[in-house]
Amino acid sequence: MSTPSTKAVPTGDKSKKTTTTTTVVKTTTTTTKQPQQKSLSTLAVGSKVKKPKTTASGKKVVNSHSNRLLSNNGLMRFSRGRMFQRRALYRISKWKDERAKLKGDKTKKTAGSIQKKKQRLSPLKKKSIGGERNGKERLVRTKRFPRYYPTEERPKKFSVKRKKFSTHPRRFRSSLTPGTVVILVAGKHAGKRVVVVKHLSSGLLLVTGPYKFNGAPLRRVNQIYVIATSTKLDLSAGKFDELDDKFFKRVRPAKKDAEKDIFDTKKEKPKLREERNQAQVNVDKVVVNAVKTHADSRLLRRYLKSRFQLWNGVLPHKLQF
C-alpha cells in the first residue's frame, strides 16, 4: 500500500508542497528485544551523557570529583580546599606553569623527567679490558653484589626516642619555695617540721631541721613526702651554691678480702665527711639567724621543735597549715 504524506516547508514568503510515497512490506520474523540505544545523531552537541548510578554488583558509584549539598542551608559535603585536593588541581596548575616556562626553550627538561631518567639507569655498563684476546670490552654490573653473606642475622638495635630521667624537666610545687617550713610525712624523721633550703637539679628538696632544734640533719627529700605550710623564713642572706647532688653522693668503702675477714661480723657505720659536717653548721647558722629575726621568734622555735600529730576527730584535709 502507498500512503501520501504532505509536508509544508516554509522558505521565505512562498511555500512548496512535496509529496513522498513510502511502501510498507509485511514480514513474519522472530526477533529478540534489545535495549534501545540512542544514536549519535539524536544526541545534541551540548548534551551530557548520564553515567550509571550503580555498578553491575549493585554497589553505588561514588564520584570523587563531585560535591553535594548536605542540607537546605547551603552546607556542602566537602569544602573548597578539600575539593581542590580531590580533583588534584594543584598538579595540573603546577604542570601548566612548568610547561609555560619551557615553551620557548625546548632543550630544557622538567625536574620530573630528569629524575625519572636517573632512575632508569641500566643495570649493566661497559668496561674496557686489556689484552688482545679478551674482547676489549665486557658488560659489568653497575651495582655489585656483596662477596659474603652473614650466616646468622645479628639483632638490630632499635632507636628509642624516650628521654633519660636525668634529662626530664624538674617542676616544684609553687608552695615549696626556699625558706618554707614543711612537715615530713615519711622516713626516719616523719612528723618533724623542717625548713626548705634549696631546689636541687635532680628534683629533690634540700631541707634542714635545723639540727639544733629537732635533730633533723641536712638531707635530700622528695617533694611528694612533704606537706607545705604557710610559715616562711627569709634565707636570702645565705649562699648554698656548693650544695648539689654530687656533694651528697655516698662514698662506698673498699671491698674487704673474704678470706682474711671470715670471722669479722661487725659492720662499720659509714662516717660523715668533715665537709658534710661543716656544711651542716653553716646552713644551720643561716636558718637560726632567720628564726631570730622573725616577728614571732619564740613561738617559731617551739613550732619547729614540736612534732606534727593527729588526734581522733581531727581531719587532715580540713586543717590549715
Protein backbone atom coordinates (compact mmCIF):
# COMPACT_ATOMS: atom_id res chain seq x y z
CA MET A 1 0.00 0.00 0.00
CA SER A 2 1.08 3.56 -0.51
CA THR A 3 0.09 6.49 1.69
CA PRO A 4 0.65 10.03 0.53
CA SER A 5 2.23 12.40 3.04
CA THR A 6 2.48 16.12 2.59
CA LYS A 7 4.91 18.40 4.46
CA ALA A 8 4.91 22.18 4.20
CA VAL A 9 8.42 23.65 4.29
CA PRO A 10 8.41 27.42 4.61
CA THR A 11 11.04 29.17 2.52
CA GLY A 12 10.63 32.92 2.74
CA ASP A 13 7.23 34.09 1.55
CA LYS A 14 6.50 31.16 -0.76
CA SER A 15 5.76 27.60 0.37
CA LYS A 16 6.18 24.47 -1.68
CA LYS A 17 4.32 21.19 -1.19
CA THR A 18 6.31 18.00 -1.58
CA THR A 19 4.77 14.54 -1.73
CA THR A 20 6.61 11.37 -0.81
CA THR A 21 5.45 7.81 -1.07
CA THR A 22 6.58 5.05 1.25
CA THR A 23 5.94 1.34 0.91
CA VAL A 24 5.42 -0.98 3.89
CA VAL A 25 6.18 -4.68 3.48
CA LYS A 26 4.73 -7.12 5.99
CA THR A 27 7.13 -9.89 7.01
CA THR A 28 6.80 -12.50 9.76
CA THR A 29 10.16 -12.81 11.59
CA THR A 30 11.07 -13.72 15.17
CA THR A 31 13.22 -11.03 16.80
CA THR A 32 14.68 -10.67 20.32
CA LYS A 33 14.19 -7.46 22.28
CA GLN A 34 17.34 -5.39 22.63
CA PRO A 35 17.86 -2.31 24.77
CA GLN A 36 17.26 0.86 22.86
CA GLN A 37 20.46 2.69 22.06
CA LYS A 38 20.41 6.33 21.18
CA SER A 39 22.29 7.12 18.00
CA LEU A 40 24.93 9.80 17.99
CA SER A 41 22.81 11.86 15.60
CA THR A 42 19.97 12.13 18.13
CA LEU A 43 22.31 13.43 20.86
CA ALA A 44 22.82 17.15 20.75
CA VAL A 45 26.23 18.67 20.80
CA GLY A 46 25.86 20.28 24.27
CA SER A 47 24.04 17.36 25.97
CA LYS A 48 25.76 15.33 28.75
CA VAL A 49 25.87 11.54 28.88
CA LYS A 50 24.40 10.21 32.12
CA LYS A 51 26.64 7.74 33.96
CA PRO A 52 25.13 4.70 35.70
CA LYS A 53 24.45 5.27 39.41
CA THR A 54 25.13 1.66 40.39
CA THR A 55 27.68 -0.94 39.32
CA ALA A 56 26.90 -4.42 37.98
CA SER A 57 27.17 -5.86 41.51
CA GLY A 58 24.67 -3.31 42.84
CA LYS A 59 27.12 -1.01 44.68
CA LYS A 60 26.65 2.73 44.48
CA VAL A 61 29.13 4.55 42.24
CA VAL A 62 30.92 7.31 44.16
CA ASN A 63 32.29 10.17 42.12
CA SER A 64 35.30 11.63 43.92
CA HIS A 65 35.17 14.82 41.85
CA SER A 66 31.55 15.69 42.69
CA ASN A 67 30.20 17.64 45.65
CA ARG A 68 26.67 17.80 47.02
CA LEU A 69 24.53 19.68 49.50
CA LEU A 70 24.08 18.24 52.97
CA SER A 71 21.10 20.40 53.94
CA ASN A 72 18.89 23.19 52.64
CA ASN A 73 21.09 25.78 54.37
CA GLY A 74 23.64 25.60 51.57
CA LEU A 75 26.16 23.50 53.53
CA MET A 76 28.28 21.42 51.16
CA ARG A 77 29.68 17.99 51.94
CA PHE A 78 33.27 18.96 51.07
CA SER A 79 34.92 22.35 51.47
CA ARG A 80 36.65 24.22 48.66
CA GLY A 81 40.07 23.17 49.91
CA ARG A 82 39.03 19.55 50.15
CA MET A 83 37.62 19.56 46.62
CA PHE A 84 40.83 21.19 45.40
CA GLN A 85 42.74 18.20 46.81
CA ARG A 86 40.30 15.60 45.48
CA ARG A 87 40.37 16.96 41.97
CA ALA A 88 44.18 17.36 42.13
CA LEU A 89 44.01 20.78 40.53
CA TYR A 90 47.31 21.76 42.12
CA ARG A 91 49.08 19.14 39.98
CA ILE A 92 47.51 20.48 36.79
CA SER A 93 48.40 24.09 37.62
CA LYS A 94 51.96 23.09 38.55
CA TRP A 95 52.37 21.18 35.29
CA LYS A 96 50.98 24.10 33.30
CA ASP A 97 53.42 26.51 34.94
CA GLU A 98 56.37 24.26 34.12
CA ARG A 99 55.25 23.86 30.52
CA ALA A 100 54.77 27.62 30.14
CA LYS A 101 58.33 28.27 31.33
CA LEU A 102 59.80 25.69 28.94
CA LYS A 103 57.65 26.67 25.98
CA GLY A 104 60.28 28.94 24.48
CA ASP A 105 63.33 26.75 25.14
CA LYS A 106 62.76 23.12 24.07
CA THR A 107 66.25 21.98 25.08
CA LYS A 108 65.46 22.23 28.83
CA LYS A 109 63.64 19.46 30.65
CA THR A 110 61.46 19.37 33.72
CA ALA A 111 62.74 18.19 37.10
CA GLY A 112 60.38 15.21 36.98
CA SER A 113 61.69 13.93 33.65
CA ILE A 114 65.33 14.25 34.79
CA GLN A 115 64.55 12.34 37.98
CA LYS A 116 62.86 9.55 36.03
CA LYS A 117 65.83 9.32 33.71
CA LYS A 118 68.17 8.88 36.67
CA GLN A 119 66.02 6.06 37.99
CA ARG A 120 66.13 4.23 34.65
CA LEU A 121 69.87 3.62 34.68
CA SER A 122 70.80 0.35 33.06
CA PRO A 123 71.94 -2.42 35.41
CA LEU A 124 74.96 -3.17 33.17
CA LYS A 125 77.75 -0.94 31.92
CA LYS A 126 80.64 -1.44 29.52
CA LYS A 127 84.16 -1.74 30.90
CA SER A 128 87.34 -1.74 28.82
CA ILE A 129 89.65 -4.72 29.43
CA GLY A 130 93.28 -5.00 28.38
CA GLY A 131 94.72 -7.90 26.40
CA GLU A 132 94.47 -8.87 22.76
CA ARG A 133 92.26 -11.95 23.22
CA ASN A 134 89.95 -10.67 25.99
CA GLY A 135 87.44 -8.93 23.75
CA LYS A 136 88.49 -5.37 24.75
CA GLU A 137 85.09 -4.72 26.43
CA ARG A 138 82.83 -6.52 28.84
CA LEU A 139 79.46 -5.84 30.46
CA VAL A 140 79.76 -5.37 34.22
CA ARG A 141 77.02 -4.72 36.78
CA THR A 142 76.71 -1.11 37.91
CA LYS A 143 75.93 -2.25 41.48
CA ARG A 144 77.94 -5.25 42.57
CA PHE A 145 76.56 -7.92 44.87
CA PRO A 146 78.31 -8.46 48.22
CA ARG A 147 81.02 -11.12 48.25
CA TYR A 148 80.00 -12.66 51.57
CA TYR A 149 76.65 -13.09 53.27
CA PRO A 150 76.34 -13.46 57.07
CA THR A 151 75.36 -16.95 58.22
CA GLU A 152 73.40 -15.55 61.19
CA GLU A 153 71.33 -12.42 61.34
CA ARG A 154 72.54 -10.06 64.02
CA PRO A 155 69.93 -8.48 66.28
CA LYS A 156 69.09 -4.95 65.21
CA LYS A 157 69.32 -2.13 67.70
CA PHE A 158 66.15 -0.11 67.71
CA SER A 159 66.48 3.58 68.46
CA VAL A 160 64.29 4.63 71.38
CA LYS A 161 63.15 8.24 71.45
CA ARG A 162 62.49 8.24 75.17
CA LYS A 163 64.47 10.76 77.14
CA LYS A 164 66.52 9.74 80.14
CA PHE A 165 65.21 10.55 83.59
CA SER A 166 68.19 12.82 84.18
CA THR A 167 67.14 14.99 81.22
CA HIS A 168 63.49 15.37 82.34
CA PRO A 169 62.43 18.91 83.31
CA ARG A 170 62.09 19.36 87.08
CA ARG A 171 58.97 21.04 88.41
CA PHE A 172 58.35 22.03 92.02
CA ARG A 173 55.11 22.99 93.69
CA SER A 174 54.65 26.74 93.95
CA SER A 175 54.23 26.44 97.74
CA LEU A 176 57.67 24.82 98.18
CA THR A 177 59.91 27.89 97.87
CA PRO A 178 63.27 28.14 99.70
CA GLY A 179 62.66 29.17 103.32
CA THR A 180 59.24 27.45 103.60
CA VAL A 181 58.59 25.36 106.72
CA VAL A 182 57.33 21.90 105.71
CA ILE A 183 56.18 18.76 107.53
CA LEU A 184 57.88 15.44 106.73
CA VAL A 185 55.34 12.66 106.16
CA ALA A 186 57.57 9.60 105.70
CA GLY A 187 61.03 8.38 106.62
CA LYS A 188 63.09 8.32 109.77
CA HIS A 189 62.15 11.90 110.71
CA ALA A 190 58.42 11.65 109.89
CA GLY A 191 56.30 14.24 111.69
CA LYS A 192 59.14 16.74 112.14
CA ARG A 193 58.93 20.31 110.88
CA VAL A 194 61.89 21.29 108.73
CA VAL A 195 62.94 24.23 106.52
CA VAL A 196 63.44 24.05 102.74
CA VAL A 197 66.95 25.29 101.92
CA LYS A 198 67.25 24.80 98.15
CA HIS A 199 65.83 23.16 94.99
CA LEU A 200 68.21 20.57 93.53
CA SER A 201 68.63 19.72 89.84
CA SER A 202 67.58 16.09 90.49
CA GLY A 203 64.08 17.25 91.51
CA LEU A 204 64.67 16.79 95.26
CA LEU A 205 64.39 19.31 98.08
CA LEU A 206 67.31 20.12 100.36
CA VAL A 207 65.92 20.50 103.92
CA THR A 208 67.29 21.01 107.41
CA GLY A 209 65.75 20.99 110.92
CA PRO A 210 67.80 22.88 111.92
CA TYR A 211 69.68 20.10 113.71
CA LYS A 212 69.90 22.17 116.90
CA PHE A 213 66.10 22.37 117.24
CA ASN A 214 64.72 18.94 116.30
CA GLY A 215 67.68 16.74 115.25
CA ALA A 216 66.74 16.70 111.53
CA PRO A 217 70.03 16.89 109.57
CA LEU A 218 70.78 18.41 106.20
CA ARG A 219 69.33 15.93 103.72
CA ARG A 220 67.52 15.49 100.41
CA VAL A 221 63.75 14.75 100.38
CA ASN A 222 61.24 14.05 97.64
CA GLN A 223 58.51 16.68 97.45
CA ILE A 224 55.71 14.07 97.47
CA TYR A 225 56.62 13.22 101.11
CA VAL A 226 56.21 16.81 102.28
CA ILE A 227 53.29 19.00 103.43
CA ALA A 228 53.88 22.70 102.80
CA THR A 229 52.85 25.23 105.47
CA SER A 230 52.16 28.95 105.27
CA THR A 231 55.15 29.75 107.55
CA LYS A 232 58.17 31.10 105.69
CA LEU A 233 61.66 32.32 106.59
CA ASP A 234 63.99 34.71 104.79
CA LEU A 235 67.13 32.79 103.71
CA SER A 236 68.39 35.35 101.18
CA ALA A 237 71.46 36.08 103.35
CA GLY A 238 72.89 32.56 102.84
CA LYS A 239 74.67 31.17 99.75
CA PHE A 240 74.24 27.45 99.02
CA ASP A 241 75.84 27.09 95.56
CA GLU A 242 78.22 24.32 96.69
CA LEU A 243 75.38 22.12 97.93
CA ASP A 244 74.27 19.97 94.98
CA ASP A 245 73.57 16.29 94.26
CA LYS A 246 77.27 15.45 93.82
CA PHE A 247 78.01 16.85 97.26
CA PHE A 248 75.62 14.33 98.88
CA LYS A 249 76.81 11.33 96.87
CA ARG A 250 77.87 8.46 99.12
CA VAL A 251 81.44 7.21 99.01
CA ARG A 252 81.45 3.43 99.05
CA PRO A 253 84.13 1.77 101.20
CA ALA A 254 86.71 -0.53 99.61
CA LYS A 255 85.80 -4.22 99.42
CA LYS A 256 87.32 -6.40 102.11
CA ASP A 257 89.15 -9.64 101.49
CA ALA A 258 86.71 -12.50 102.20
CA GLU A 259 89.45 -14.97 103.33
CA LYS A 260 91.04 -12.62 105.89
CA ASP A 261 87.83 -11.28 107.40
CA ILE A 262 85.82 -14.52 107.72
CA PHE A 263 85.18 -14.09 111.44
CA ASP A 264 84.73 -10.33 111.32
CA THR A 265 80.95 -9.98 111.78
CA LYS A 266 80.88 -6.34 112.93
CA LYS A 267 79.55 -3.82 110.42
CA GLU A 268 81.14 -0.40 110.47
CA LYS A 269 78.76 2.52 110.15
CA PRO A 270 79.69 4.98 107.41
CA LYS A 271 81.05 8.17 108.91
CA LEU A 272 80.16 11.59 107.53
CA ARG A 273 82.89 13.59 105.91
CA GLU A 274 84.19 16.77 107.51
CA GLU A 275 82.84 18.78 104.58
CA ARG A 276 79.37 17.48 105.29
CA ASN A 277 79.60 18.39 109.00
CA GLN A 278 80.89 21.86 108.15
CA ALA A 279 78.04 22.39 105.65
CA GLN A 280 75.54 21.40 108.35
CA VAL A 281 76.95 24.05 110.70
CA ASN A 282 76.99 26.80 108.04
CA VAL A 283 73.40 26.15 106.88
CA ASP A 284 72.08 25.94 110.44
CA LYS A 285 73.63 29.34 111.24
CA VAL A 286 71.69 30.96 108.41
CA VAL A 287 68.42 29.26 109.42
CA VAL A 288 68.78 30.09 113.14
CA ASN A 289 69.51 33.75 112.33
CA ALA A 290 66.39 33.83 110.13
CA VAL A 291 64.34 32.43 113.07
CA LYS A 292 65.75 35.08 115.41
CA THR A 293 64.88 37.92 113.05
CA HIS A 294 61.32 36.62 112.58
CA ALA A 295 58.49 38.56 114.29
CA ASP A 296 57.31 35.50 116.28
CA SER A 297 60.75 34.03 117.03
CA ARG A 298 59.83 32.41 120.39
CA LEU A 299 56.67 30.82 119.02
CA LEU A 300 58.54 29.72 115.86
CA ARG A 301 61.21 27.92 117.92
CA ARG A 302 58.59 25.93 119.80
CA TYR A 303 56.82 25.26 116.48
CA LEU A 304 59.96 23.77 114.88
CA LYS A 305 60.81 21.68 117.95
CA SER A 306 57.33 20.09 118.19
CA ARG A 307 56.13 17.17 116.06
CA PHE A 308 53.06 17.12 113.88
CA GLN A 309 50.36 14.83 115.31
CA LEU A 310 46.74 13.96 114.63
CA TRP A 311 44.12 13.18 117.28
CA ASN A 312 40.77 11.47 116.98
CA GLY A 313 38.25 13.59 115.14
CA VAL A 314 40.91 15.79 113.50
CA LEU A 315 40.58 15.61 109.72
CA PRO A 316 43.84 16.46 107.88
CA HIS A 317 42.12 17.71 104.72
CA LYS A 318 40.30 20.37 106.78
CA LEU A 319 43.43 21.69 108.53
CA GLN A 320 45.10 24.94 107.53
CA PHE A 321 48.85 24.60 107.72
